[in-house]
Amino acid sequence: MNGKVVDFQAGKESQLHKRKEAKLDAMRQAFRLARSETEKADSKSPSANSGTKKKRRKSKK
């Protein structure tokens, strides 16, 4: 045998990372699309612009 060592684990981790990034990008794009559709629908309603402040909930201790 020759003295070359093949590291399959590093290649596998690299491929898994690429898959996770692609999945994350797809999810981000879907959320942006969904958010932009709801923002367009909200901007058409007359009551959407009247209440610009959002109510905050207090965190439970």
N, C-alpha and C. Protein backbone atom coordinates (compact mmCIF):
# COMPACT_ATOMS: atom_id res chain seq x y z
N MET A 1 0.85 -1.20 0.00
CA MET A 1 0.00 0.00 0.00
C MET A 1 0.89 1.25 0.00
N ASN A 2 0.34 2.29 -0.55
CA ASN A 2 1.08 3.54 -0.55
C ASN A 2 0.83 4.30 0.76
N GLY A 3 1.55 5.37 0.98
CA GLY A 3 1.48 6.10 2.24
C GLY A 3 0.41 7.17 2.29
N LYS A 4 -0.49 7.20 1.34
CA LYS A 4 -1.54 8.23 1.33
C LYS A 4 -2.67 7.85 2.28
N VAL A 5 -3.13 8.85 3.04
CA VAL A 5 -4.24 8.64 3.96
C VAL A 5 -5.43 9.46 3.45
N VAL A 6 -6.56 8.80 3.35
CA VAL A 6 -7.77 9.47 2.87
C VAL A 6 -8.67 9.75 4.07
N ASP A 7 -9.07 11.03 4.20
CA ASP A 7 -9.93 11.43 5.32
C ASP A 7 -11.36 11.58 4.81
N PHE A 8 -12.14 10.53 4.96
CA PHE A 8 -13.53 10.56 4.50
C PHE A 8 -14.40 11.44 5.41
N GLN A 9 -14.07 11.51 6.67
CA GLN A 9 -14.89 12.26 7.63
C GLN A 9 -14.91 13.75 7.29
N ALA A 10 -13.77 14.32 6.90
CA ALA A 10 -13.72 15.74 6.56
C ALA A 10 -14.59 16.03 5.34
N GLY A 11 -14.54 15.18 4.35
CA GLY A 11 -15.38 15.35 3.16
C GLY A 11 -16.85 15.22 3.48
N LYS A 12 -17.16 14.29 4.35
CA LYS A 12 -18.55 14.08 4.75
C LYS A 12 -19.08 15.29 5.51
N GLU A 13 -18.27 15.83 6.42
CA GLU A 13 -18.69 17.01 7.19
C GLU A 13 -18.88 18.21 6.28
N SER A 14 -18.01 18.37 5.30
CA SER A 14 -18.13 19.46 4.35
C SER A 14 -19.43 19.36 3.56
N GLN A 15 -19.75 18.17 3.11
CA GLN A 15 -20.98 17.95 2.34
C GLN A 15 -22.21 18.19 3.20
N LEU A 16 -22.19 17.74 4.45
CA LEU A 16 -23.32 17.97 5.36
C LEU A 16 -23.51 19.46 5.63
N HIS A 17 -22.40 20.18 5.77
CA HIS A 17 -22.48 21.62 6.00
C HIS A 17 -23.12 22.32 4.80
N LYS A 18 -22.74 21.92 3.60
CA LYS A 18 -23.31 22.52 2.40
C LYS A 18 -24.81 22.24 2.32
N ARG A 19 -25.22 21.03 2.68
CA ARG A 19 -26.65 20.68 2.66
C ARG A 19 -27.43 21.52 3.67
N LYS A 20 -26.87 21.67 4.88
CA LYS A 20 -27.54 22.46 5.91
C LYS A 20 -27.66 23.92 5.49
N GLU A 21 -26.61 24.46 4.86
CA GLU A 21 -26.65 25.85 4.40
C GLU A 21 -27.71 26.02 3.31
N ALA A 22 -27.80 25.07 2.40
CA ALA A 22 -28.79 25.15 1.33
C ALA A 22 -30.21 25.10 1.91
N LYS A 23 -30.42 24.23 2.89
CA LYS A 23 -31.72 24.11 3.53
C LYS A 23 -32.07 25.40 4.28
N LEU A 24 -31.09 25.96 4.97
CA LEU A 24 -31.29 27.20 5.70
C LEU A 24 -31.61 28.35 4.74
N ASP A 25 -30.92 28.43 3.63
CA ASP A 25 -31.20 29.46 2.64
C ASP A 25 -32.62 29.33 2.09
N ALA A 26 -33.05 28.10 1.84
CA ALA A 26 -34.40 27.87 1.34
C ALA A 26 -35.44 28.31 2.37
N MET A 27 -35.19 28.02 3.64
CA MET A 27 -36.11 28.42 4.69
C MET A 27 -36.16 29.94 4.83
N ARG A 28 -35.00 30.59 4.77
CA ARG A 28 -34.96 32.05 4.85
C ARG A 28 -35.74 32.69 3.71
N GLN A 29 -35.56 32.14 2.52
CA GLN A 29 -36.26 32.68 1.36
C GLN A 29 -37.77 32.49 1.51
N ALA A 30 -38.18 31.34 2.03
CA ALA A 30 -39.61 31.09 2.22
C ALA A 30 -40.20 32.04 3.25
N PHE A 31 -39.48 32.29 4.33
CA PHE A 31 -39.97 33.23 5.35
C PHE A 31 -40.04 34.65 4.80
N ARG A 32 -39.03 35.04 4.03
CA ARG A 32 -39.07 36.39 3.44
C ARG A 32 -40.25 36.53 2.50
N LEU A 33 -40.50 35.51 1.70
CA LEU A 33 -41.62 35.54 0.77
C LEU A 33 -42.94 35.62 1.53
N ALA A 34 -43.08 34.81 2.57
CA ALA A 34 -44.31 34.82 3.36
C ALA A 34 -44.49 36.16 4.06
N ARG A 35 -43.42 36.72 4.57
CA ARG A 35 -43.50 37.99 5.27
C ARG A 35 -43.86 39.11 4.31
N SER A 36 -43.28 39.10 3.12
CA SER A 36 -43.58 40.17 2.17
C SER A 36 -45.02 40.09 1.69
N GLU A 37 -45.56 38.88 1.57
CA GLU A 37 -46.97 38.74 1.17
C GLU A 37 -47.88 39.27 2.26
N THR A 38 -47.57 39.00 3.51
CA THR A 38 -48.43 39.49 4.59
C THR A 38 -48.29 40.99 4.75
N GLU A 39 -47.10 41.53 4.51
CA GLU A 39 -46.91 42.98 4.61
C GLU A 39 -47.70 43.68 3.52
N LYS A 40 -47.75 43.11 2.33
CA LYS A 40 -48.53 43.71 1.25
C LYS A 40 -50.01 43.67 1.59
N ALA A 41 -50.48 42.58 2.17
CA ALA A 41 -51.89 42.46 2.55
C ALA A 41 -52.21 43.43 3.68
N ASP A 42 -51.30 43.59 4.63
CA ASP A 42 -51.52 44.50 5.75
C ASP A 42 -51.53 45.94 5.29
N SER A 43 -50.70 46.30 4.34
CA SER A 43 -50.62 47.68 3.90
C SER A 43 -51.89 48.10 3.16
N LYS A 44 -52.61 47.14 2.60
CA LYS A 44 -53.86 47.46 1.91
C LYS A 44 -54.99 47.74 2.89
N SER A 45 -54.94 47.17 4.08
CA SER A 45 -56.02 47.39 5.05
C SER A 45 -55.83 48.75 5.72
N PRO A 46 -56.91 49.49 5.95
CA PRO A 46 -56.79 50.83 6.51
C PRO A 46 -56.35 50.85 7.97
N SER A 47 -56.63 49.82 8.72
CA SER A 47 -56.27 49.82 10.14
C SER A 47 -54.82 49.42 10.39
N ALA A 48 -54.12 48.95 9.39
CA ALA A 48 -52.75 48.49 9.58
C ALA A 48 -51.80 49.65 9.87
N ASN A 49 -52.04 50.80 9.28
CA ASN A 49 -51.13 51.92 9.46
C ASN A 49 -51.46 52.76 10.68
N SER A 50 -52.64 52.60 11.26
CA SER A 50 -53.02 53.44 12.39
C SER A 50 -52.29 53.05 13.67
N GLY A 51 -52.08 51.79 13.90
CA GLY A 51 -51.39 51.35 15.11
C GLY A 51 -50.00 50.88 14.80
N THR A 52 -49.03 51.80 14.84
CA THR A 52 -47.67 51.43 14.46
C THR A 52 -46.89 50.84 15.61
N LYS A 53 -47.31 51.10 16.85
CA LYS A 53 -46.59 50.55 18.00
C LYS A 53 -47.07 49.13 18.27
N LYS A 54 -46.11 48.27 18.57
CA LYS A 54 -46.44 46.90 18.90
C LYS A 54 -46.39 46.72 20.41
N LYS A 55 -47.31 45.95 20.92
CA LYS A 55 -47.32 45.67 22.35
C LYS A 55 -46.30 44.60 22.67
N ARG A 56 -45.58 44.80 23.76
CA ARG A 56 -44.57 43.82 24.17
C ARG A 56 -45.07 43.05 25.38
N ARG A 57 -44.73 41.81 25.40
CA ARG A 57 -45.07 40.99 26.57
C ARG A 57 -43.91 40.98 27.52
N LYS A 58 -44.23 41.00 28.78
CA LYS A 58 -43.17 40.91 29.79
C LYS A 58 -42.76 39.46 29.93
N SER A 59 -41.47 39.25 30.12
CA SER A 59 -40.99 37.88 30.28
C SER A 59 -41.30 37.40 31.68
N LYS A 60 -41.62 36.13 31.76
CA LYS A 60 -41.91 35.53 33.08
C LYS A 60 -40.61 35.21 33.79
N LYS A 61 -40.61 35.46 35.07
CA LYS A 61 -39.40 35.18 35.86
C LYS A 61 -39.49 33.86 36.56
